[in-house]
Amino acid sequence: MTRLFSAFALPDHVADHLAAHLPPLPGGLRATPRHQWHVTVGYYREDDPEPRLARLRSRVGGLPAPRLRMRGSGTFAAVCLLKIATPDPVDLRNLAEAADFEEGGHPEYIPHVTVARAIVRPAGQSRDCADLAAALRGYEGPEWVPEALVLYASDQGAYTPLGRVPLLTGSAPGAGC
């Protein structure tokens, strides 16, 4: 069994834009490395990769790819994040439901990109996270359309792609990323 999650990787032009607009982090925060920036679609805890990938291919493969953009910020306790906006919220929600997002124990799907975490996890919300979220409140990144949902293994902070599930993409801006 392996800790697994599915996600949309950020294409280079989107990650470049975020990197250029990310302010210096307060001392109490640890940055999420750029190569780990992603939009989680489903978290599966400890699971068997082959059946999970087969399930994703049968349930998600061929669904419409949503148009995505980072817009605004927020926090989850000790996590600072950028929110994902889409003109197609039903498509994104349907895709997350097909990908079994609720198996991770989250009753609501909140698409986001984690940009930093508090170094010491306090009982409540980190002040440094709140300050970074305030600095990023007006951030708006470029739009993109993911070509695939990727299944990743997570092992002690290292993410390894295990397989891709192609999505239907059209001629929306950023298609082919």
N, C-alpha and C. Protein backbone atom coordinates (compact mmCIF):
# COMPACT_ATOMS: atom_id res chain seq x y z
N MET A 1 0.85 -1.18 0.00
CA MET A 1 0.00 0.00 0.00
C MET A 1 0.89 1.24 0.00
N THR A 2 0.42 2.26 -0.69
CA THR A 2 1.17 3.49 -0.89
C THR A 2 0.24 4.67 -0.65
N ARG A 3 0.76 5.74 -0.07
CA ARG A 3 -0.05 6.96 0.07
C ARG A 3 -0.20 7.58 -1.32
N LEU A 4 -1.46 7.78 -1.73
CA LEU A 4 -1.75 8.22 -3.09
C LEU A 4 -2.63 9.47 -3.11
N PHE A 5 -2.45 10.27 -4.16
CA PHE A 5 -3.36 11.37 -4.44
C PHE A 5 -3.37 11.62 -5.94
N SER A 6 -4.45 12.22 -6.43
CA SER A 6 -4.52 12.63 -7.83
C SER A 6 -4.54 14.14 -7.89
N ALA A 7 -3.94 14.68 -8.96
CA ALA A 7 -3.79 16.13 -9.03
C ALA A 7 -3.54 16.59 -10.45
N PHE A 8 -3.71 17.90 -10.64
CA PHE A 8 -3.30 18.58 -11.85
C PHE A 8 -1.97 19.26 -11.55
N ALA A 9 -0.95 18.93 -12.30
CA ALA A 9 0.33 19.62 -12.16
C ALA A 9 0.19 21.02 -12.77
N LEU A 10 0.93 21.97 -12.23
CA LEU A 10 0.93 23.31 -12.81
C LEU A 10 1.85 23.33 -14.02
N PRO A 11 1.36 23.81 -15.17
CA PRO A 11 2.26 23.94 -16.32
C PRO A 11 3.31 25.02 -16.04
N ASP A 12 4.40 24.97 -16.79
CA ASP A 12 5.52 25.88 -16.55
C ASP A 12 5.11 27.35 -16.56
N HIS A 13 4.30 27.77 -17.53
CA HIS A 13 3.97 29.21 -17.60
C HIS A 13 3.16 29.65 -16.37
N VAL A 14 2.37 28.76 -15.80
CA VAL A 14 1.59 29.09 -14.60
C VAL A 14 2.52 29.13 -13.38
N ALA A 15 3.40 28.14 -13.26
CA ALA A 15 4.35 28.12 -12.15
C ALA A 15 5.31 29.31 -12.23
N ASP A 16 5.74 29.68 -13.44
CA ASP A 16 6.62 30.84 -13.62
C ASP A 16 5.92 32.11 -13.12
N HIS A 17 4.65 32.26 -13.47
CA HIS A 17 3.89 33.44 -13.05
C HIS A 17 3.78 33.49 -11.53
N LEU A 18 3.44 32.36 -10.92
CA LEU A 18 3.33 32.32 -9.46
C LEU A 18 4.67 32.63 -8.80
N ALA A 19 5.73 32.02 -9.29
CA ALA A 19 7.05 32.25 -8.71
C ALA A 19 7.44 33.73 -8.78
N ALA A 20 7.08 34.39 -9.87
CA ALA A 20 7.41 35.81 -10.03
C ALA A 20 6.59 36.71 -9.10
N HIS A 21 5.45 36.22 -8.62
CA HIS A 21 4.57 37.04 -7.79
C HIS A 21 4.51 36.61 -6.32
N LEU A 22 5.23 35.57 -5.96
CA LEU A 22 5.23 35.09 -4.58
C LEU A 22 6.14 35.97 -3.75
N PRO A 23 5.59 36.63 -2.72
CA PRO A 23 6.44 37.51 -1.91
C PRO A 23 7.38 36.69 -1.02
N PRO A 24 8.39 37.34 -0.46
CA PRO A 24 9.25 36.63 0.50
C PRO A 24 8.41 36.08 1.64
N LEU A 25 8.74 34.88 2.08
CA LEU A 25 7.95 34.25 3.14
C LEU A 25 8.39 34.73 4.52
N PRO A 26 7.43 34.94 5.41
CA PRO A 26 7.78 35.22 6.80
C PRO A 26 8.59 34.05 7.38
N GLY A 27 9.39 34.32 8.38
CA GLY A 27 10.29 33.32 8.97
C GLY A 27 9.62 32.08 9.50
N GLY A 28 8.35 32.16 9.86
CA GLY A 28 7.66 31.00 10.43
C GLY A 28 7.05 30.07 9.40
N LEU A 29 7.35 30.30 8.12
CA LEU A 29 6.75 29.47 7.07
C LEU A 29 7.81 28.72 6.28
N ARG A 30 7.44 27.54 5.81
CA ARG A 30 8.27 26.74 4.92
C ARG A 30 7.58 26.72 3.57
N ALA A 31 8.29 27.14 2.53
CA ALA A 31 7.72 27.18 1.18
C ALA A 31 7.51 25.77 0.65
N THR A 32 6.43 25.60 -0.09
CA THR A 32 6.24 24.36 -0.85
C THR A 32 7.15 24.47 -2.06
N PRO A 33 8.03 23.49 -2.29
CA PRO A 33 8.91 23.58 -3.46
C PRO A 33 8.12 23.67 -4.75
N ARG A 34 8.61 24.45 -5.67
CA ARG A 34 7.92 24.68 -6.94
C ARG A 34 7.54 23.37 -7.64
N HIS A 35 8.43 22.38 -7.64
CA HIS A 35 8.15 21.12 -8.34
C HIS A 35 7.02 20.33 -7.67
N GLN A 36 6.58 20.77 -6.49
CA GLN A 36 5.46 20.10 -5.81
C GLN A 36 4.15 20.89 -5.91
N TRP A 37 4.14 22.02 -6.57
CA TRP A 37 2.90 22.77 -6.73
C TRP A 37 1.93 21.97 -7.60
N HIS A 38 0.72 21.81 -7.13
CA HIS A 38 -0.29 21.06 -7.86
C HIS A 38 -1.67 21.41 -7.29
N VAL A 39 -2.70 21.03 -8.03
CA VAL A 39 -4.08 21.17 -7.56
C VAL A 39 -4.57 19.75 -7.24
N THR A 40 -4.69 19.43 -5.97
CA THR A 40 -5.16 18.10 -5.59
C THR A 40 -6.61 17.93 -6.01
N VAL A 41 -6.89 16.79 -6.59
CA VAL A 41 -8.27 16.46 -6.96
C VAL A 41 -8.80 15.39 -6.01
N GLY A 42 -8.00 14.39 -5.67
CA GLY A 42 -8.42 13.37 -4.72
C GLY A 42 -7.25 12.91 -3.88
N TYR A 43 -7.53 12.62 -2.60
CA TYR A 43 -6.52 12.08 -1.70
C TYR A 43 -7.04 10.73 -1.23
N TYR A 44 -6.20 9.68 -1.33
CA TYR A 44 -6.68 8.32 -1.11
C TYR A 44 -6.03 7.62 0.07
N ARG A 45 -5.27 8.34 0.86
CA ARG A 45 -4.57 7.73 1.99
C ARG A 45 -3.70 6.58 1.49
N GLU A 46 -3.61 5.51 2.25
CA GLU A 46 -2.85 4.32 1.83
C GLU A 46 -3.75 3.50 0.92
N ASP A 47 -3.29 3.23 -0.31
CA ASP A 47 -4.10 2.52 -1.28
C ASP A 47 -3.17 1.76 -2.23
N ASP A 48 -3.74 0.85 -2.97
CA ASP A 48 -3.01 0.08 -3.97
C ASP A 48 -3.01 0.87 -5.28
N PRO A 49 -1.84 1.21 -5.82
CA PRO A 49 -1.79 2.08 -7.00
C PRO A 49 -2.49 1.53 -8.25
N GLU A 50 -2.32 0.26 -8.57
CA GLU A 50 -2.88 -0.27 -9.83
C GLU A 50 -4.40 -0.20 -9.86
N PRO A 51 -5.10 -0.71 -8.84
CA PRO A 51 -6.57 -0.57 -8.89
C PRO A 51 -7.03 0.88 -8.84
N ARG A 52 -6.31 1.73 -8.13
CA ARG A 52 -6.70 3.15 -8.06
C ARG A 52 -6.57 3.79 -9.43
N LEU A 53 -5.46 3.52 -10.12
CA LEU A 53 -5.27 4.09 -11.45
C LEU A 53 -6.33 3.55 -12.42
N ALA A 54 -6.65 2.27 -12.32
CA ALA A 54 -7.69 1.70 -13.18
C ALA A 54 -9.04 2.37 -12.90
N ARG A 55 -9.34 2.60 -11.62
CA ARG A 55 -10.61 3.26 -11.27
C ARG A 55 -10.64 4.69 -11.83
N LEU A 56 -9.54 5.42 -11.69
CA LEU A 56 -9.49 6.78 -12.23
C LEU A 56 -9.68 6.76 -13.75
N ARG A 57 -9.02 5.83 -14.41
CA ARG A 57 -9.16 5.76 -15.88
C ARG A 57 -10.59 5.48 -16.29
N SER A 58 -11.28 4.62 -15.55
CA SER A 58 -12.66 4.28 -15.94
C SER A 58 -13.65 5.38 -15.58
N ARG A 59 -13.39 6.12 -14.50
CA ARG A 59 -14.35 7.12 -14.03
C ARG A 59 -14.05 8.54 -14.52
N VAL A 60 -12.77 8.85 -14.71
CA VAL A 60 -12.36 10.22 -15.03
C VAL A 60 -11.92 10.37 -16.49
N GLY A 61 -11.34 9.31 -17.04
CA GLY A 61 -10.83 9.36 -18.41
C GLY A 61 -11.89 9.85 -19.38
N GLY A 62 -11.54 10.84 -20.19
CA GLY A 62 -12.47 11.37 -21.18
C GLY A 62 -13.43 12.43 -20.69
N LEU A 63 -13.38 12.76 -19.38
CA LEU A 63 -14.22 13.87 -18.90
C LEU A 63 -13.66 15.19 -19.42
N PRO A 64 -14.49 16.22 -19.50
CA PRO A 64 -13.99 17.52 -19.96
C PRO A 64 -12.96 18.09 -18.98
N ALA A 65 -11.88 18.60 -19.52
CA ALA A 65 -10.86 19.26 -18.70
C ALA A 65 -11.36 20.64 -18.31
N PRO A 66 -11.31 20.98 -17.03
CA PRO A 66 -11.76 22.32 -16.63
C PRO A 66 -10.72 23.38 -16.95
N ARG A 67 -11.18 24.59 -17.17
CA ARG A 67 -10.28 25.74 -17.27
C ARG A 67 -10.01 26.21 -15.85
N LEU A 68 -8.73 26.37 -15.51
CA LEU A 68 -8.33 26.70 -14.14
C LEU A 68 -7.49 27.96 -14.11
N ARG A 69 -7.53 28.61 -12.96
CA ARG A 69 -6.69 29.79 -12.71
C ARG A 69 -6.60 29.97 -11.20
N MET A 70 -5.41 30.33 -10.72
CA MET A 70 -5.28 30.68 -9.30
C MET A 70 -5.78 32.10 -9.14
N ARG A 71 -6.66 32.28 -8.16
CA ARG A 71 -7.21 33.62 -7.92
C ARG A 71 -7.56 33.73 -6.43
N GLY A 72 -6.91 34.65 -5.76
CA GLY A 72 -7.18 34.85 -4.33
C GLY A 72 -6.42 33.84 -3.49
N SER A 73 -6.55 34.00 -2.18
CA SER A 73 -5.76 33.18 -1.26
C SER A 73 -6.60 32.81 -0.05
N GLY A 74 -6.02 31.98 0.78
CA GLY A 74 -6.70 31.56 2.00
C GLY A 74 -5.77 30.72 2.85
N THR A 75 -6.32 30.16 3.91
CA THR A 75 -5.54 29.30 4.81
C THR A 75 -6.40 28.13 5.26
N PHE A 76 -5.74 27.02 5.56
CA PHE A 76 -6.31 25.88 6.28
C PHE A 76 -5.40 25.71 7.48
N ALA A 77 -5.80 26.18 8.63
CA ALA A 77 -4.98 26.07 9.84
C ALA A 77 -3.56 26.55 9.56
N ALA A 78 -2.59 25.64 9.40
CA ALA A 78 -1.19 26.01 9.23
C ALA A 78 -0.73 25.96 7.77
N VAL A 79 -1.66 26.06 6.83
CA VAL A 79 -1.35 25.99 5.40
C VAL A 79 -1.79 27.29 4.74
N CYS A 80 -0.91 27.87 3.91
CA CYS A 80 -1.26 29.03 3.10
C CYS A 80 -1.46 28.55 1.68
N LEU A 81 -2.56 28.99 1.06
CA LEU A 81 -2.92 28.46 -0.25
C LEU A 81 -3.41 29.54 -1.19
N LEU A 82 -3.39 29.19 -2.46
CA LEU A 82 -4.04 30.00 -3.49
C LEU A 82 -5.26 29.23 -3.96
N LYS A 83 -6.36 29.92 -4.05
CA LYS A 83 -7.62 29.29 -4.46
C LYS A 83 -7.64 29.11 -5.98
N ILE A 84 -8.39 28.10 -6.40
CA ILE A 84 -8.55 27.85 -7.83
C ILE A 84 -9.92 28.34 -8.25
N ALA A 85 -9.92 29.18 -9.27
CA ALA A 85 -11.16 29.68 -9.85
C ALA A 85 -11.35 29.02 -11.21
N THR A 86 -12.59 28.83 -11.58
CA THR A 86 -12.89 28.25 -12.89
C THR A 86 -14.22 28.79 -13.38
N PRO A 87 -14.33 29.04 -14.68
CA PRO A 87 -15.64 29.42 -15.21
C PRO A 87 -16.55 28.20 -15.35
N ASP A 88 -15.98 27.01 -15.08
CA ASP A 88 -16.71 25.75 -15.23
C ASP A 88 -16.78 24.99 -13.90
N PRO A 89 -17.37 25.57 -12.84
CA PRO A 89 -17.33 24.90 -11.54
C PRO A 89 -18.03 23.54 -11.54
N VAL A 90 -19.04 23.36 -12.37
CA VAL A 90 -19.72 22.07 -12.42
C VAL A 90 -18.79 21.01 -12.99
N ASP A 91 -18.04 21.34 -14.05
CA ASP A 91 -17.10 20.38 -14.62
C ASP A 91 -16.03 19.98 -13.61
N LEU A 92 -15.49 20.95 -12.88
CA LEU A 92 -14.46 20.66 -11.89
C LEU A 92 -15.03 19.82 -10.76
N ARG A 93 -16.21 20.16 -10.28
CA ARG A 93 -16.85 19.40 -9.19
C ARG A 93 -17.16 17.98 -9.66
N ASN A 94 -17.69 17.82 -10.87
CA ASN A 94 -17.99 16.48 -11.40
C ASN A 94 -16.72 15.65 -11.51
N LEU A 95 -15.65 16.27 -11.96
CA LEU A 95 -14.38 15.56 -12.09
C LEU A 95 -13.88 15.12 -10.71
N ALA A 96 -13.95 16.01 -9.72
CA ALA A 96 -13.51 15.67 -8.36
C ALA A 96 -14.35 14.54 -7.77
N GLU A 97 -15.66 14.58 -8.02
CA GLU A 97 -16.52 13.51 -7.53
C GLU A 97 -16.19 12.19 -8.22
N ALA A 98 -15.96 12.23 -9.53
CA ALA A 98 -15.59 11.01 -10.26
C ALA A 98 -14.25 10.47 -9.77
N ALA A 99 -13.37 11.35 -9.30
CA ALA A 99 -12.05 10.95 -8.80
C ALA A 99 -12.09 10.56 -7.32
N ASP A 100 -13.29 10.50 -6.73
CA ASP A 100 -13.46 10.06 -5.34
C ASP A 100 -12.76 10.96 -4.33
N PHE A 101 -12.88 12.29 -4.50
CA PHE A 101 -12.20 13.21 -3.58
C PHE A 101 -12.58 12.96 -2.13
N GLU A 102 -13.80 12.53 -1.87
CA GLU A 102 -14.29 12.39 -0.50
C GLU A 102 -13.63 11.23 0.26
N GLU A 103 -12.93 10.34 -0.44
CA GLU A 103 -12.27 9.23 0.24
C GLU A 103 -11.18 9.71 1.19
N GLY A 104 -10.67 10.91 0.99
CA GLY A 104 -9.64 11.45 1.87
C GLY A 104 -10.20 12.00 3.17
N GLY A 105 -11.51 11.93 3.36
CA GLY A 105 -12.12 12.39 4.60
C GLY A 105 -12.55 13.84 4.58
N HIS A 106 -12.49 14.48 3.40
CA HIS A 106 -12.91 15.88 3.29
C HIS A 106 -14.34 15.92 2.76
N PRO A 107 -15.25 16.50 3.51
CA PRO A 107 -16.65 16.52 3.05
C PRO A 107 -16.90 17.49 1.90
N GLU A 108 -15.97 18.44 1.70
CA GLU A 108 -16.16 19.44 0.66
C GLU A 108 -14.88 19.53 -0.17
N TYR A 109 -15.04 19.65 -1.49
CA TYR A 109 -13.87 19.79 -2.36
C TYR A 109 -13.53 21.27 -2.49
N ILE A 110 -12.33 21.63 -2.06
CA ILE A 110 -11.87 23.02 -2.14
C ILE A 110 -10.57 23.03 -2.94
N PRO A 111 -10.66 23.29 -4.25
CA PRO A 111 -9.45 23.25 -5.07
C PRO A 111 -8.49 24.39 -4.71
N HIS A 112 -7.21 24.05 -4.59
CA HIS A 112 -6.21 25.04 -4.18
C HIS A 112 -4.81 24.54 -4.50
N VAL A 113 -3.85 25.45 -4.40
CA VAL A 113 -2.43 25.15 -4.51
C VAL A 113 -1.80 25.59 -3.19
N THR A 114 -1.15 24.66 -2.49
CA THR A 114 -0.46 24.99 -1.25
C THR A 114 0.87 25.65 -1.59
N VAL A 115 1.09 26.87 -1.08
CA VAL A 115 2.34 27.57 -1.36
C VAL A 115 3.28 27.59 -0.16
N ALA A 116 2.75 27.38 1.05
CA ALA A 116 3.60 27.37 2.24
C ALA A 116 2.87 26.70 3.39
N ARG A 117 3.66 26.26 4.37
CA ARG A 117 3.12 25.68 5.61
C ARG A 117 3.86 26.29 6.79
N ALA A 118 3.16 26.36 7.91
CA ALA A 118 3.81 26.84 9.13
C ALA A 118 4.86 25.81 9.56
N ILE A 119 6.00 26.29 10.00
CA ILE A 119 7.07 25.39 10.44
C ILE A 119 6.65 24.67 11.72
N VAL A 120 6.08 25.40 12.65
CA VAL A 120 5.54 24.81 13.87
C VAL A 120 4.04 24.90 13.77
N ARG A 121 3.36 23.76 13.85
CA ARG A 121 1.90 23.76 13.71
C ARG A 121 1.25 24.16 15.03
N PRO A 122 0.71 25.37 15.07
CA PRO A 122 0.02 25.80 16.29
C PRO A 122 -1.37 25.16 16.36
N ALA A 123 -2.00 25.30 17.50
CA ALA A 123 -3.34 24.74 17.67
C ALA A 123 -4.33 25.43 16.74
N GLY A 124 -4.12 26.69 16.46
CA GLY A 124 -5.01 27.44 15.59
C GLY A 124 -4.31 27.85 14.32
N GLN A 125 -4.83 28.87 13.69
CA GLN A 125 -4.27 29.36 12.43
C GLN A 125 -2.96 30.08 12.67
N SER A 126 -1.98 29.86 11.82
CA SER A 126 -0.70 30.52 11.91
C SER A 126 -0.83 31.99 11.50
N ARG A 127 -0.28 32.89 12.32
CA ARG A 127 -0.29 34.32 11.98
C ARG A 127 0.51 34.56 10.70
N ASP A 128 1.64 33.84 10.55
CA ASP A 128 2.44 33.99 9.34
C ASP A 128 1.65 33.56 8.11
N CYS A 129 0.87 32.48 8.23
CA CYS A 129 0.02 32.04 7.10
C CYS A 129 -1.00 33.12 6.78
N ALA A 130 -1.61 33.68 7.81
CA ALA A 130 -2.61 34.72 7.58
C ALA A 130 -1.98 35.94 6.90
N ASP A 131 -0.76 36.30 7.31
CA ASP A 131 -0.08 37.44 6.70
C ASP A 131 0.25 37.17 5.22
N LEU A 132 0.73 35.96 4.92
CA LEU A 132 1.03 35.63 3.53
C LEU A 132 -0.25 35.60 2.70
N ALA A 133 -1.31 35.03 3.26
CA ALA A 133 -2.60 35.01 2.55
C ALA A 133 -3.07 36.43 2.25
N ALA A 134 -2.89 37.33 3.19
CA ALA A 134 -3.29 38.73 2.97
C ALA A 134 -2.46 39.34 1.84
N ALA A 135 -1.16 39.02 1.79
CA ALA A 135 -0.29 39.57 0.74
C ALA A 135 -0.67 39.01 -0.64
N LEU A 136 -1.24 37.81 -0.67
CA LEU A 136 -1.60 37.17 -1.95
C LEU A 136 -3.08 37.33 -2.31
N ARG A 137 -3.82 38.05 -1.50
CA ARG A 137 -5.27 38.17 -1.69
C ARG A 137 -5.65 38.59 -3.11
N GLY A 138 -4.91 39.51 -3.70
CA GLY A 138 -5.24 40.00 -5.03
C GLY A 138 -4.57 39.23 -6.17
N TYR A 139 -3.87 38.15 -5.85
CA TYR A 139 -3.16 37.41 -6.91
C TYR A 139 -4.15 36.78 -7.89
N GLU A 140 -3.82 36.91 -9.17
CA GLU A 140 -4.56 36.22 -10.23
C GLU A 140 -3.56 35.72 -11.25
N GLY A 141 -3.51 34.41 -11.41
CA GLY A 141 -2.58 33.80 -12.35
C GLY A 141 -3.20 33.57 -13.70
N PRO A 142 -2.41 33.10 -14.66
CA PRO A 142 -2.93 32.82 -15.99
C PRO A 142 -3.82 31.58 -15.99
N GLU A 143 -4.73 31.54 -16.94
CA GLU A 143 -5.62 30.39 -17.09
C GLU A 143 -4.88 29.25 -17.78
N TRP A 144 -5.24 28.03 -17.42
CA TRP A 144 -4.71 26.85 -18.10
C TRP A 144 -5.76 25.75 -18.10
N VAL A 145 -5.55 24.80 -19.00
CA VAL A 145 -6.43 23.64 -19.13
C VAL A 145 -5.55 22.40 -19.00
N PRO A 146 -5.73 21.61 -17.95
CA PRO A 146 -4.90 20.41 -17.81
C PRO A 146 -5.28 19.36 -18.85
N GLU A 147 -4.28 18.70 -19.40
CA GLU A 147 -4.53 17.62 -20.36
C GLU A 147 -4.87 16.32 -19.66
N ALA A 148 -4.40 16.18 -18.41
CA ALA A 148 -4.56 14.90 -17.72
C ALA A 148 -4.63 15.10 -16.21
N LEU A 149 -5.23 14.14 -15.58
CA LEU A 149 -5.18 14.00 -14.13
C LEU A 149 -4.06 13.01 -13.85
N VAL A 150 -3.19 13.33 -12.91
CA VAL A 150 -2.03 12.50 -12.62
C VAL A 150 -2.21 11.83 -11.26
N LEU A 151 -1.94 10.52 -11.19
CA LEU A 151 -1.92 9.81 -9.91
C LEU A 151 -0.49 9.85 -9.39
N TYR A 152 -0.33 10.31 -8.14
CA TYR A 152 0.98 10.43 -7.50
C TYR A 152 1.05 9.53 -6.28
N ALA A 153 2.27 9.05 -6.03
CA ALA A 153 2.60 8.43 -4.75
C ALA A 153 3.29 9.51 -3.92
N SER A 154 2.99 9.54 -2.63
CA SER A 154 3.61 10.50 -1.73
C SER A 154 4.38 9.72 -0.66
N ASP A 155 5.69 9.98 -0.58
CA ASP A 155 6.52 9.28 0.40
C ASP A 155 7.47 10.28 1.04
N GLN A 156 7.20 10.61 2.29
CA GLN A 156 8.03 11.53 3.07
C GLN A 156 8.32 12.83 2.31
N GLY A 157 7.29 13.40 1.73
CA GLY A 157 7.41 14.68 1.05
C GLY A 157 7.83 14.61 -0.40
N ALA A 158 8.16 13.43 -0.90
CA ALA A 158 8.51 13.26 -2.31
C ALA A 158 7.29 12.76 -3.07
N TYR A 159 6.99 13.38 -4.21
CA TYR A 159 5.85 13.00 -5.03
C TYR A 159 6.36 12.32 -6.30
N THR A 160 5.84 11.14 -6.57
CA THR A 160 6.23 10.39 -7.76
C THR A 160 5.01 10.14 -8.63
N PRO A 161 5.01 10.61 -9.89
CA PRO A 161 3.87 10.33 -10.77
C PRO A 161 3.84 8.85 -11.13
N LEU A 162 2.65 8.25 -11.01
CA LEU A 162 2.48 6.82 -11.30
C LEU A 162 1.71 6.57 -12.59
N GLY A 163 0.92 7.55 -13.02
CA GLY A 163 0.14 7.37 -14.23
C GLY A 163 -0.68 8.61 -14.53
N ARG A 164 -1.05 8.75 -15.80
CA ARG A 164 -1.84 9.90 -16.27
C ARG A 164 -3.17 9.41 -16.81
N VAL A 165 -4.21 10.19 -16.55
CA VAL A 165 -5.55 9.90 -17.06
C VAL A 165 -5.91 11.06 -17.98
N PRO A 166 -5.91 10.84 -19.30
CA PRO A 166 -6.20 11.93 -20.24
C PRO A 166 -7.62 12.48 -20.08
N LEU A 167 -7.74 13.78 -20.27
CA LEU A 167 -9.02 14.48 -20.22
C LEU A 167 -9.32 15.05 -21.59
N LEU A 168 -10.58 15.36 -21.83
CA LEU A 168 -10.97 16.01 -23.10
C LEU A 168 -10.62 17.48 -23.02
N THR A 169 -9.80 17.94 -23.92
CA THR A 169 -9.45 19.35 -23.96
C THR A 169 -9.96 19.94 -25.27
N GLY A 170 -10.30 21.22 -25.19
CA GLY A 170 -10.79 21.92 -26.39
C GLY A 170 -9.79 22.96 -26.81
N SER A 171 -10.29 24.05 -27.33
CA SER A 171 -9.42 25.11 -27.80
C SER A 171 -9.37 26.27 -26.81
N ALA A 172 -9.62 25.97 -25.51
CA ALA A 172 -9.59 27.01 -24.50
C ALA A 172 -8.16 27.53 -24.33
N PRO A 173 -8.00 28.78 -23.83
CA PRO A 173 -6.66 29.31 -23.61
C PRO A 173 -5.88 28.39 -22.69
N GLY A 174 -4.64 28.13 -23.03
CA GLY A 174 -3.78 27.30 -22.21
C GLY A 174 -3.92 25.82 -22.51
N ALA A 175 -4.77 25.43 -23.44
CA ALA A 175 -4.91 24.01 -23.76
C ALA A 175 -3.56 23.47 -24.21
N GLY A 176 -3.34 22.23 -23.89
CA GLY A 176 -2.08 21.60 -24.26
C GLY A 176 -1.06 21.69 -23.16
N CYS A 177 -1.42 22.22 -22.00
CA CYS A 177 -0.46 22.33 -20.91
C CYS A 177 -0.43 21.04 -20.12
